[in-house]
Amino acid sequence: MERKIKFAVGEYYHVYNRGVEKRKIFQETRDYERFSKTLRLANGTKAVVFKTSQGASLDKVGLGERLIAVGAYVLMPNHFHILVKEIKEGGLTNFMKKLTTSYAMYFNKKYERVGSLFQKPFKAEHVDNDRYLKYLLAYIHLNPVKVLEPSWKENGIIDTKKTLAFAENYKYSSSLDYLGKQRVEKAILSLEKFPDYFKNRKDFSDFHKDWLRLKTVQGA
């Protein structure tokens, strides 16, 4: 299937994909960790080689020039979302190919399967205005709400404080980095390439809280 959208340097995009037949692409903690590491290792002009990166901090691995800037991401059991800015011509397509190919090879070998792991082609939306860009920061970081409250959009949220804390502290997203948590996964992000919408951690959390309340009322 030919993609209608054309990628361009300096533009923002929301990219996402899920497992074929909506299958789980992350079976256990190690899978999430492998994909998280690949988010950084695939973002460079050099090939993805895990052996040479063993024991090295993600921000110290020599990967060549970055292909894209990552502003936010989340990994869910059967899909993922990434907010990116293309910074090298052809960078986004190259990055996604390296990311999904590398992970699929790991997954298929580990679980003794063959064939495509992800739906093709990956989905992409052009983020062409500031309002949409900020909206996606909430949409991506609050995806884990579905794990704790599967029908929250229809039935509302029972405990907003508990649900918000779960989503913001979800290990496999960039929310912890926005909240100032010091961890190796921070090297995945290039936040200097994105607008700074939040003055502090409270501002970031209040934005999520307001978004949850609004979406619960709207039922969407």
C-alpha atoms as a PDB file:
ATOM      1  CA  MET A   1       0.000   0.000   0.000  1.00  0.00           C
ATOM      2  CA  GLU A   2       1.442   3.350  -1.033  1.00  0.00           C
ATOM      3  CA  ARG A   3       1.643   6.007   1.663  1.00  0.00           C
ATOM      4  CA  LYS A   4      -0.143   9.249   0.802  1.00  0.00           C
ATOM      5  CA  ILE A   5       1.798  11.410   3.237  1.00  0.00           C
ATOM      6  CA  LYS A   6       5.210  12.789   2.222  1.00  0.00           C
ATOM      7  CA  PHE A   7       7.788  13.343   4.939  1.00  0.00           C
ATOM      8  CA  ALA A   8       9.867  16.529   5.044  1.00  0.00           C
ATOM      9  CA  VAL A   9      12.762  17.801   7.135  1.00  0.00           C
ATOM     10  CA  GLY A  10      11.643  20.136   9.912  1.00  0.00           C
ATOM     11  CA  GLU A  11       8.087  18.780  10.074  1.00  0.00           C
ATOM     12  CA  TYR A  12       6.432  16.921  12.968  1.00  0.00           C
ATOM     13  CA  TYR A  13       4.724  13.531  12.654  1.00  0.00           C
ATOM     14  CA  HIS A  14       2.760  11.116  14.796  1.00  0.00           C
ATOM     15  CA  VAL A  15       3.826   7.595  13.815  1.00  0.00           C
ATOM     16  CA  TYR A  16       2.368   4.395  15.154  1.00  0.00           C
ATOM     17  CA  ASN A  17       1.918   0.738  14.408  1.00  0.00           C
ATOM     18  CA  ARG A  18       0.548  -2.455  15.905  1.00  0.00           C
ATOM     19  CA  GLY A  19       1.178  -6.153  15.666  1.00  0.00           C
ATOM     20  CA  VAL A  20      -0.278  -8.118  12.781  1.00  0.00           C
ATOM     21  CA  GLU A  21      -3.774  -9.379  13.627  1.00  0.00           C
ATOM     22  CA  LYS A  22      -3.525  -7.062  16.657  1.00  0.00           C
ATOM     23  CA  ARG A  23      -1.223  -9.596  18.325  1.00  0.00           C
ATOM     24  CA  LYS A  24       0.905  -8.696  21.331  1.00  0.00           C
ATOM     25  CA  ILE A  25       4.322  -7.441  20.323  1.00  0.00           C
ATOM     26  CA  PHE A  26       5.568  -7.228  23.918  1.00  0.00           C
ATOM     27  CA  GLN A  27       5.222 -10.446  25.903  1.00  0.00           C
ATOM     28  CA  GLU A  28       7.385  -9.585  28.902  1.00  0.00           C
ATOM     29  CA  THR A  29       9.531  -6.881  30.476  1.00  0.00           C
ATOM     30  CA  ARG A  30      12.618  -7.752  28.457  1.00  0.00           C
ATOM     31  CA  ASP A  31      10.699  -7.147  25.210  1.00  0.00           C
ATOM     32  CA  TYR A  32       9.701  -3.647  26.264  1.00  0.00           C
ATOM     33  CA  GLU A  33      13.285  -2.942  27.288  1.00  0.00           C
ATOM     34  CA  ARG A  34      14.632  -4.240  23.983  1.00  0.00           C
ATOM     35  CA  PHE A  35      12.283  -2.053  21.952  1.00  0.00           C
ATOM     36  CA  SER A  36      13.052   0.981  24.144  1.00  0.00           C
ATOM     37  CA  LYS A  37      16.762   0.527  23.517  1.00  0.00           C
ATOM     38  CA  THR A  38      16.137   0.076  19.806  1.00  0.00           C
ATOM     39  CA  LEU A  39      14.338   3.424  19.730  1.00  0.00           C
ATOM     40  CA  ARG A  40      17.743   4.978  20.386  1.00  0.00           C
ATOM     41  CA  LEU A  41      19.984   2.572  18.488  1.00  0.00           C
ATOM     42  CA  ALA A  42      17.902   2.825  15.290  1.00  0.00           C
ATOM     43  CA  ASN A  43      18.089   6.603  15.324  1.00  0.00           C
ATOM     44  CA  GLY A  44      21.386   7.075  13.528  1.00  0.00           C
ATOM     45  CA  THR A  45      23.052   6.721  10.147  1.00  0.00           C
ATOM     46  CA  LYS A  46      25.030   3.688  11.335  1.00  0.00           C
ATOM     47  CA  ALA A  47      23.637   0.144  11.429  1.00  0.00           C
ATOM     48  CA  VAL A  48      21.909  -1.212  14.536  1.00  0.00           C
ATOM     49  CA  VAL A  49      24.411  -3.501  16.280  1.00  0.00           C
ATOM     50  CA  PHE A  50      23.473  -4.531  19.806  1.00  0.00           C
ATOM     51  CA  LYS A  51      26.710  -6.347  20.567  1.00  0.00           C
ATOM     52  CA  THR A  52      28.769  -3.176  20.322  1.00  0.00           C
ATOM     53  CA  SER A  53      26.385  -1.315  22.607  1.00  0.00           C
ATOM     54  CA  GLN A  54      26.404  -3.816  25.468  1.00  0.00           C
ATOM     55  CA  GLY A  55      27.311  -2.127  28.742  1.00  0.00           C
ATOM     56  CA  ALA A  56      27.363   1.335  27.175  1.00  0.00           C
ATOM     57  CA  SER A  57      25.007   4.128  28.161  1.00  0.00           C
ATOM     58  CA  LEU A  58      22.484   4.962  25.452  1.00  0.00           C
ATOM     59  CA  ASP A  59      23.774   8.512  25.170  1.00  0.00           C
ATOM     60  CA  LYS A  60      27.361   7.297  24.679  1.00  0.00           C
ATOM     61  CA  VAL A  61      26.820   4.838  21.830  1.00  0.00           C
ATOM     62  CA  GLY A  62      28.229   6.072  18.516  1.00  0.00           C
ATOM     63  CA  LEU A  63      25.375   5.928  16.029  1.00  0.00           C
ATOM     64  CA  GLY A  64      26.321   8.564  13.487  1.00  0.00           C
ATOM     65  CA  GLU A  65      23.983  11.458  12.689  1.00  0.00           C
ATOM     66  CA  ARG A  66      20.497  11.325  14.153  1.00  0.00           C
ATOM     67  CA  LEU A  67      17.723  10.707  11.658  1.00  0.00           C
ATOM     68  CA  ILE A  68      14.837  12.126  13.653  1.00  0.00           C
ATOM     69  CA  ALA A  69      14.103  13.854  16.928  1.00  0.00           C
ATOM     70  CA  VAL A  70      11.777  12.012  19.303  1.00  0.00           C
ATOM     71  CA  GLY A  71       9.464  14.182  21.388  1.00  0.00           C
ATOM     72  CA  ALA A  72       7.306  11.523  23.068  1.00  0.00           C
ATOM     73  CA  TYR A  73       6.565   7.811  22.879  1.00  0.00           C
ATOM     74  CA  VAL A  74       4.626   5.014  24.547  1.00  0.00           C
ATOM     75  CA  LEU A  75       4.789   1.234  24.203  1.00  0.00           C
ATOM     76  CA  MET A  76       1.539  -0.676  24.737  1.00  0.00           C
ATOM     77  CA  PRO A  77       1.087  -4.481  24.694  1.00  0.00           C
ATOM     78  CA  ASN A  78       0.132  -4.655  20.998  1.00  0.00           C
ATOM     79  CA  HIS A  79       1.102  -1.253  19.580  1.00  0.00           C
ATOM     80  CA  PHE A  80       3.265   1.843  19.970  1.00  0.00           C
ATOM     81  CA  HIS A  81       3.071   5.597  19.351  1.00  0.00           C
ATOM     82  CA  ILE A  82       5.968   7.978  18.665  1.00  0.00           C
ATOM     83  CA  LEU A  83       5.939  11.761  18.173  1.00  0.00           C
ATOM     84  CA  VAL A  84       8.850  12.751  15.923  1.00  0.00           C
ATOM     85  CA  LYS A  85      10.431  15.561  13.943  1.00  0.00           C
ATOM     86  CA  GLU A  86      12.359  14.645  10.807  1.00  0.00           C
ATOM     87  CA  ILE A  87      15.825  16.211  10.927  1.00  0.00           C
ATOM     88  CA  LYS A  88      17.545  14.373   8.053  1.00  0.00           C
ATOM     89  CA  GLU A  89      16.081  13.825   4.595  1.00  0.00           C
ATOM     90  CA  GLY A  90      14.598  10.339   4.431  1.00  0.00           C
ATOM     91  CA  GLY A  91      15.313   9.971   8.126  1.00  0.00           C
ATOM     92  CA  LEU A  92      11.857   8.987   9.345  1.00  0.00           C
ATOM     93  CA  THR A  93      11.388   6.189   6.825  1.00  0.00           C
ATOM     94  CA  ASN A  94      14.897   4.900   7.495  1.00  0.00           C
ATOM     95  CA  PHE A  95      14.390   5.044  11.253  1.00  0.00           C
ATOM     96  CA  MET A  96      11.100   3.156  11.177  1.00  0.00           C
ATOM     97  CA  LYS A  97      12.551   0.474   8.921  1.00  0.00           C
ATOM     98  CA  LYS A  98      15.532  -0.047  11.203  1.00  0.00           C
ATOM     99  CA  LEU A  99      13.380   0.025  14.346  1.00  0.00           C
ATOM    100  CA  THR A 100      10.763  -2.495  13.270  1.00  0.00           C
ATOM    101  CA  THR A 101      13.121  -4.792  11.360  1.00  0.00           C
ATOM    102  CA  SER A 102      15.571  -5.043  14.239  1.00  0.00           C
ATOM    103  CA  TYR A 103      12.870  -5.690  16.806  1.00  0.00           C
ATOM    104  CA  ALA A 104      10.992  -8.184  14.621  1.00  0.00           C
ATOM    105  CA  MET A 105      14.197 -10.205  14.120  1.00  0.00           C
ATOM    106  CA  TYR A 106      14.719 -10.287  17.891  1.00  0.00           C
ATOM    107  CA  PHE A 107      11.071 -11.187  18.594  1.00  0.00           C
ATOM    108  CA  ASN A 108      10.815 -13.914  15.939  1.00  0.00           C
ATOM    109  CA  LYS A 109      14.013 -15.583  17.076  1.00  0.00           C
ATOM    110  CA  LYS A 110      13.029 -15.442  20.737  1.00  0.00           C
ATOM    111  CA  TYR A 111       9.508 -16.780  20.233  1.00  0.00           C
ATOM    112  CA  GLU A 112      10.359 -19.122  17.329  1.00  0.00           C
ATOM    113  CA  ARG A 113       8.027 -17.575  14.800  1.00  0.00           C
ATOM    114  CA  VAL A 114       8.334 -16.434  11.184  1.00  0.00           C
ATOM    115  CA  GLY A 115       6.732 -13.720   9.086  1.00  0.00           C
ATOM    116  CA  SER A 116       5.819 -10.088   9.611  1.00  0.00           C
ATOM    117  CA  LEU A 117       5.365  -8.893  13.169  1.00  0.00           C
ATOM    118  CA  PHE A 118       3.994  -5.420  12.380  1.00  0.00           C
ATOM    119  CA  GLN A 119       1.235  -4.198  10.087  1.00  0.00           C
ATOM    120  CA  LYS A 120       2.547  -2.575   6.898  1.00  0.00           C
ATOM    121  CA  PRO A 121       3.000   0.200   6.145  1.00  0.00           C
ATOM    122  CA  PHE A 122       3.356   1.974   9.496  1.00  0.00           C
ATOM    123  CA  LYS A 123       0.766   4.672  10.120  1.00  0.00           C
ATOM    124  CA  ALA A 124       1.750   8.349  10.066  1.00  0.00           C
ATOM    125  CA  GLU A 125      -0.037  11.660  10.521  1.00  0.00           C
ATOM    126  CA  HIS A 126       1.407  15.079   9.742  1.00  0.00           C
ATOM    127  CA  VAL A 127       1.269  17.358  12.790  1.00  0.00           C
ATOM    128  CA  ASP A 128       0.754  20.693  11.087  1.00  0.00           C
ATOM    129  CA  ASN A 129      -0.309  22.976  13.932  1.00  0.00           C
ATOM    130  CA  ASP A 130       0.662  23.772  17.493  1.00  0.00           C
ATOM    131  CA  ARG A 131      -2.647  22.742  19.021  1.00  0.00           C
ATOM    132  CA  TYR A 132      -2.432  19.260  17.532  1.00  0.00           C
ATOM    133  CA  LEU A 133       1.185  18.889  18.621  1.00  0.00           C
ATOM    134  CA  LYS A 134       0.324  19.649  22.245  1.00  0.00           C
ATOM    135  CA  TYR A 135      -2.755  17.409  22.094  1.00  0.00           C
ATOM    136  CA  LEU A 136      -0.574  14.474  21.042  1.00  0.00           C
ATOM    137  CA  LEU A 137       1.618  14.869  24.112  1.00  0.00           C
ATOM    138  CA  ALA A 138      -1.437  14.101  26.234  1.00  0.00           C
ATOM    139  CA  TYR A 139      -2.805  11.433  23.912  1.00  0.00           C
ATOM    140  CA  ILE A 140       0.489   9.529  23.833  1.00  0.00           C
ATOM    141  CA  HIS A 141       1.354   9.824  27.516  1.00  0.00           C
ATOM    142  CA  LEU A 142      -2.163   8.886  28.651  1.00  0.00           C
ATOM    143  CA  ASN A 143      -2.440   5.775  26.481  1.00  0.00           C
ATOM    144  CA  PRO A 144      -1.632   3.564  29.520  1.00  0.00           C
ATOM    145  CA  VAL A 145      -4.923   4.645  31.102  1.00  0.00           C
ATOM    146  CA  LYS A 146      -6.475   1.895  28.949  1.00  0.00           C
ATOM    147  CA  VAL A 147      -4.551  -0.717  30.942  1.00  0.00           C
ATOM    148  CA  LEU A 148      -6.013   0.382  34.274  1.00  0.00           C
ATOM    149  CA  GLU A 149      -9.401   1.649  33.035  1.00  0.00           C
ATOM    150  CA  PRO A 150     -10.263  -0.140  29.740  1.00  0.00           C
ATOM    151  CA  SER A 151     -13.659   1.585  29.404  1.00  0.00           C
ATOM    152  CA  TRP A 152     -12.771   4.959  30.888  1.00  0.00           C
ATOM    153  CA  LYS A 153     -14.038   6.935  27.904  1.00  0.00           C
ATOM    154  CA  GLU A 154     -17.487   5.407  28.176  1.00  0.00           C
ATOM    155  CA  ASN A 155     -17.835   5.035  31.956  1.00  0.00           C
ATOM    156  CA  GLY A 156     -15.524   7.718  33.280  1.00  0.00           C
ATOM    157  CA  ILE A 157     -12.638   7.290  35.692  1.00  0.00           C
ATOM    158  CA  ILE A 158     -13.285   5.939  39.178  1.00  0.00           C
ATOM    159  CA  ASP A 159     -10.139   7.311  40.809  1.00  0.00           C
ATOM    160  CA  THR A 160      -8.560  10.155  38.821  1.00  0.00           C
ATOM    161  CA  LYS A 161      -5.554  10.513  41.120  1.00  0.00           C
ATOM    162  CA  LYS A 162      -4.700   6.805  40.969  1.00  0.00           C
ATOM    163  CA  THR A 163      -5.240   6.596  37.214  1.00  0.00           C
ATOM    164  CA  LEU A 164      -3.151   9.682  36.482  1.00  0.00           C
ATOM    165  CA  ALA A 165      -0.328   8.414  38.694  1.00  0.00           C
ATOM    166  CA  PHE A 166      -0.371   5.071  36.868  1.00  0.00           C
ATOM    167  CA  ALA A 167      -0.172   6.688  33.435  1.00  0.00           C
ATOM    168  CA  GLU A 168       2.506   9.226  34.366  1.00  0.00           C
ATOM    169  CA  ASN A 169       4.681   6.586  36.025  1.00  0.00           C
ATOM    170  CA  TYR A 170       4.239   4.034  33.252  1.00  0.00           C
ATOM    171  CA  LYS A 171       7.759   2.760  32.668  1.00  0.00           C
ATOM    172  CA  TYR A 172       7.523   2.333  28.908  1.00  0.00           C
ATOM    173  CA  SER A 173       6.778   5.898  27.882  1.00  0.00           C
ATOM    174  CA  SER A 174       8.513   9.268  27.931  1.00  0.00           C
ATOM    175  CA  SER A 175       6.255  10.625  30.681  1.00  0.00           C
ATOM    176  CA  LEU A 176       8.861   9.920  33.367  1.00  0.00           C
ATOM    177  CA  ASP A 177      11.389  11.986  31.427  1.00  0.00           C
ATOM    178  CA  TYR A 178       9.019  14.957  31.303  1.00  0.00           C
ATOM    179  CA  LEU A 179       8.589  14.589  35.055  1.00  0.00           C
ATOM    180  CA  GLY A 180      12.342  14.881  35.564  1.00  0.00           C
ATOM    181  CA  LYS A 181      13.108  11.237  36.368  1.00  0.00           C
ATOM    182  CA  GLN A 182      16.788  10.493  35.771  1.00  0.00           C
ATOM    183  CA  ARG A 183      17.051   7.333  33.681  1.00  0.00           C
ATOM    184  CA  VAL A 184      18.977   6.010  30.689  1.00  0.00           C
ATOM    185  CA  GLU A 185      15.910   6.145  28.425  1.00  0.00           C
ATOM    186  CA  LYS A 186      16.106   9.926  28.429  1.00  0.00           C
ATOM    187  CA  ALA A 187      18.723   9.577  25.660  1.00  0.00           C
ATOM    188  CA  ILE A 188      15.904   8.518  23.312  1.00  0.00           C
ATOM    189  CA  LEU A 189      14.457  12.029  23.376  1.00  0.00           C
ATOM    190  CA  SER A 190      15.535  15.294  21.748  1.00  0.00           C
ATOM    191  CA  LEU A 191      13.215  17.667  23.572  1.00  0.00           C
ATOM    192  CA  GLU A 192      15.154  20.723  22.460  1.00  0.00           C
ATOM    193  CA  LYS A 193      13.645  20.139  18.995  1.00  0.00           C
ATOM    194  CA  PHE A 194      10.095  20.530  20.350  1.00  0.00           C
ATOM    195  CA  PRO A 195       8.167  23.421  21.898  1.00  0.00           C
ATOM    196  CA  ASP A 196       8.423  23.683  25.685  1.00  0.00           C
ATOM    197  CA  TYR A 197       4.769  23.764  26.730  1.00  0.00           C
ATOM    198  CA  PHE A 198       5.217  23.075  30.439  1.00  0.00           C
ATOM    199  CA  LYS A 199       6.839  25.387  32.973  1.00  0.00           C
ATOM    200  CA  ASN A 200       7.262  22.642  35.582  1.00  0.00           C
ATOM    201  CA  ARG A 201       6.162  19.136  36.564  1.00  0.00           C
ATOM    202  CA  LYS A 202       2.897  20.374  38.081  1.00  0.00           C
ATOM    203  CA  ASP A 203       2.022  22.106  34.826  1.00  0.00           C
ATOM    204  CA  PHE A 204       2.637  18.829  32.986  1.00  0.00           C
ATOM    205  CA  SER A 205       0.412  16.857  35.386  1.00  0.00           C
ATOM    206  CA  ASP A 206      -2.351  19.474  35.397  1.00  0.00           C
ATOM    207  CA  PHE A 207      -2.444  19.337  31.606  1.00  0.00           C
ATOM    208  CA  HIS A 208      -3.021  15.577  31.752  1.00  0.00           C
ATOM    209  CA  LYS A 209      -5.638  15.900  34.473  1.00  0.00           C
ATOM    210  CA  ASP A 210      -7.618  18.469  32.491  1.00  0.00           C
ATOM    211  CA  TRP A 211      -7.369  16.359  29.337  1.00  0.00           C
ATOM    212  CA  LEU A 212      -8.703  13.265  31.121  1.00  0.00           C
ATOM    213  CA  ARG A 213     -11.649  15.201  32.541  1.00  0.00           C
ATOM    214  CA  LEU A 214     -12.483  16.729  29.171  1.00  0.00           C
ATOM    215  CA  LYS A 215     -12.335  13.434  27.309  1.00  0.00           C
ATOM    216  CA  THR A 216     -14.438  11.705  29.960  1.00  0.00           C
ATOM    217  CA  VAL A 217     -17.145  14.343  29.583  1.00  0.00           C
ATOM    218  CA  GLN A 218     -17.004  14.161  25.792  1.00  0.00           C
ATOM    219  CA  GLY A 219     -16.977  10.369  25.788  1.00  0.00           C
ATOM    220  CA  ALA A 220     -14.290  10.359  23.111  1.00  0.00           C
END
